[in-house]
């Protein structure tokens, strides 16, 4: 979720909006072409959106009685995961 398609799509959409601003001006809309883009605000909004989705997933798993581990997971084999939280492996 953190580095997947959602953040990429949100950043792509921001770029499309900048291009649309140019197109709108050509179609007669009074658009301020000199408007600055606030990179930090965009990144903050993307990160907050991703956090809200991650929280929703976590809440759903806990509500359904699933075990939740905030660990880095790797496959050992097709039926086994190795979980590492930076200090230990389970």
C-alpha atoms as a PDB file:
ATOM      1  CA  UNK A   1       0.000   0.000   0.000  1.00  0.00           C
ATOM      2  CA  UNK A   2       2.751   2.440   0.914  1.00  0.00           C
ATOM      3  CA  UNK A   3       4.571   2.383  -2.414  1.00  0.00           C
ATOM      4  CA  UNK A   4       1.953   0.888  -4.691  1.00  0.00           C
ATOM      5  CA  UNK A   5      -0.534   2.143  -7.195  1.00  0.00           C
ATOM      6  CA  UNK A   6      -2.542   4.452  -4.895  1.00  0.00           C
ATOM      7  CA  UNK A   7       0.295   6.952  -4.237  1.00  0.00           C
ATOM      8  CA  UNK A   8       1.365   6.745  -7.889  1.00  0.00           C
ATOM      9  CA  UNK A   9      -2.169   7.447  -9.105  1.00  0.00           C
ATOM     10  CA  UNK A  10      -2.590  10.372  -6.721  1.00  0.00           C
ATOM     11  CA  UNK A  11       0.661  11.971  -7.939  1.00  0.00           C
ATOM     12  CA  UNK A  12      -0.247  11.276 -11.568  1.00  0.00           C
ATOM     13  CA  UNK A  13      -3.613  12.961 -11.000  1.00  0.00           C
ATOM     14  CA  UNK A  14      -1.845  16.069  -9.652  1.00  0.00           C
ATOM     15  CA  UNK A  15       0.180  16.206 -12.877  1.00  0.00           C
ATOM     16  CA  UNK A  16      -2.977  15.804 -14.945  1.00  0.00           C
ATOM     17  CA  UNK A  17      -4.572  18.711 -13.089  1.00  0.00           C
ATOM     18  CA  UNK A  18      -1.614  20.930 -14.000  1.00  0.00           C
ATOM     19  CA  UNK A  19      -2.005  19.962 -17.656  1.00  0.00           C
ATOM     20  CA  UNK A  20      -5.774  20.510 -17.477  1.00  0.00           C
ATOM     21  CA  UNK A  21      -5.160  24.036 -16.221  1.00  0.00           C
ATOM     22  CA  UNK A  22      -3.361  24.820 -19.497  1.00  0.00           C
ATOM     23  CA  UNK A  23      -6.157  23.232 -21.533  1.00  0.00           C
ATOM     24  CA  UNK A  24      -8.837  25.136 -19.625  1.00  0.00           C
ATOM     25  CA  UNK A  25      -7.124  28.421 -20.382  1.00  0.00           C
ATOM     26  CA  UNK A  26      -7.201  27.598 -24.107  1.00  0.00           C
ATOM     27  CA  UNK A  27     -10.947  26.972 -23.822  1.00  0.00           C
ATOM     28  CA  UNK A  28     -11.655  30.384 -22.356  1.00  0.00           C
ATOM     29  CA  UNK A  29     -11.568  29.720 -18.621  1.00  0.00           C
ATOM     30  CA  UNK A  30      -9.917  32.375 -16.467  1.00  0.00           C
ATOM     31  CA  UNK A  31      -7.213  30.186 -14.961  1.00  0.00           C
ATOM     32  CA  UNK A  32      -4.241  31.563 -13.086  1.00  0.00           C
ATOM     33  CA  UNK A  33      -1.256  29.916 -14.814  1.00  0.00           C
ATOM     34  CA  UNK A  34       1.220  31.262 -12.242  1.00  0.00           C
ATOM     35  CA  UNK A  35      -0.314  29.300  -9.344  1.00  0.00           C
ATOM     36  CA  UNK A  36       2.429  27.485  -7.464  1.00  0.00           C
ATOM     37  CA  UNK A  37       2.324  23.793  -6.613  1.00  0.00           C
ATOM     38  CA  UNK A  38       2.866  22.907  -2.957  1.00  0.00           C
ATOM     39  CA  UNK A  39       4.885  19.666  -3.134  1.00  0.00           C
ATOM     40  CA  UNK A  40       4.959  19.195   0.644  1.00  0.00           C
ATOM     41  CA  UNK A  41       1.173  19.537   0.894  1.00  0.00           C
ATOM     42  CA  UNK A  42       0.656  16.997  -1.907  1.00  0.00           C
ATOM     43  CA  UNK A  43       3.042  14.492  -0.282  1.00  0.00           C
ATOM     44  CA  UNK A  44       1.370  14.983   3.099  1.00  0.00           C
ATOM     45  CA  UNK A  45      -2.070  14.372   1.584  1.00  0.00           C
ATOM     46  CA  UNK A  46      -0.867  11.245  -0.237  1.00  0.00           C
ATOM     47  CA  UNK A  47       0.742   9.881   2.946  1.00  0.00           C
ATOM     48  CA  UNK A  48      -2.354  10.646   5.032  1.00  0.00           C
ATOM     49  CA  UNK A  49      -4.578   8.893   2.498  1.00  0.00           C
ATOM     50  CA  UNK A  50      -2.345   5.798   2.509  1.00  0.00           C
ATOM     51  CA  UNK A  51      -2.301   5.799   6.337  1.00  0.00           C
ATOM     52  CA  UNK A  52      -6.100   5.954   6.447  1.00  0.00           C
ATOM     53  CA  UNK A  53      -6.388   2.990   4.065  1.00  0.00           C
ATOM     54  CA  UNK A  54      -3.804   1.007   6.051  1.00  0.00           C
ATOM     55  CA  UNK A  55      -5.669   1.783   9.292  1.00  0.00           C
ATOM     56  CA  UNK A  56      -8.925   0.628   7.714  1.00  0.00           C
ATOM     57  CA  UNK A  57      -7.330  -2.702   6.702  1.00  0.00           C
ATOM     58  CA  UNK A  58      -5.827  -3.166  10.168  1.00  0.00           C
ATOM     59  CA  UNK A  59      -9.097  -2.336  11.918  1.00  0.00           C
ATOM     60  CA  UNK A  60     -11.007  -4.778   9.696  1.00  0.00           C
ATOM     61  CA  UNK A  61      -8.584  -7.612  10.444  1.00  0.00           C
ATOM     62  CA  UNK A  62      -8.674  -7.003  14.203  1.00  0.00           C
ATOM     63  CA  UNK A  63     -12.483  -6.683  14.202  1.00  0.00           C
ATOM     64  CA  UNK A  64     -12.717 -10.066  12.462  1.00  0.00           C
ATOM     65  CA  UNK A  65     -10.486 -11.671  15.111  1.00  0.00           C
ATOM     66  CA  UNK A  66      -7.451 -12.075  12.881  1.00  0.00           C
ATOM     67  CA  UNK A  67      -3.942 -11.911  14.299  1.00  0.00           C
ATOM     68  CA  UNK A  68      -2.151  -8.727  13.257  1.00  0.00           C
ATOM     69  CA  UNK A  69       1.639  -8.439  13.204  1.00  0.00           C
ATOM     70  CA  UNK A  70       3.322  -5.174  12.259  1.00  0.00           C
ATOM     71  CA  UNK A  71       6.369  -6.954  10.851  1.00  0.00           C
ATOM     72  CA  UNK A  72       8.263  -7.308   7.605  1.00  0.00           C
ATOM     73  CA  UNK A  73       7.220 -10.638   6.089  1.00  0.00           C
ATOM     74  CA  UNK A  74       9.086 -12.917   3.712  1.00  0.00           C
ATOM     75  CA  UNK A  75       8.060 -16.296   2.341  1.00  0.00           C
ATOM     76  CA  UNK A  76      10.072 -19.237   3.640  1.00  0.00           C
ATOM     77  CA  UNK A  77       8.081 -21.667   1.483  1.00  0.00           C
ATOM     78  CA  UNK A  78       4.576 -21.802   0.009  1.00  0.00           C
ATOM     79  CA  UNK A  79       2.997 -22.324   3.461  1.00  0.00           C
ATOM     80  CA  UNK A  80       5.341 -20.416   5.791  1.00  0.00           C
ATOM     81  CA  UNK A  81       6.076 -16.753   6.447  1.00  0.00           C
ATOM     82  CA  UNK A  82       9.038 -15.369   8.338  1.00  0.00           C
ATOM     83  CA  UNK A  83       8.090 -12.234  10.313  1.00  0.00           C
ATOM     84  CA  UNK A  84      10.735  -9.727  11.370  1.00  0.00           C
ATOM     85  CA  UNK A  85      10.084  -6.588  13.409  1.00  0.00           C
ATOM     86  CA  UNK A  86      13.676  -5.357  13.285  1.00  0.00           C
ATOM     87  CA  UNK A  87      14.726  -7.241  16.413  1.00  0.00           C
ATOM     88  CA  UNK A  88      13.542 -10.783  16.132  1.00  0.00           C
ATOM     89  CA  UNK A  89      12.209 -13.243  13.622  1.00  0.00           C
ATOM     90  CA  UNK A  90       9.122 -15.296  14.386  1.00  0.00           C
END
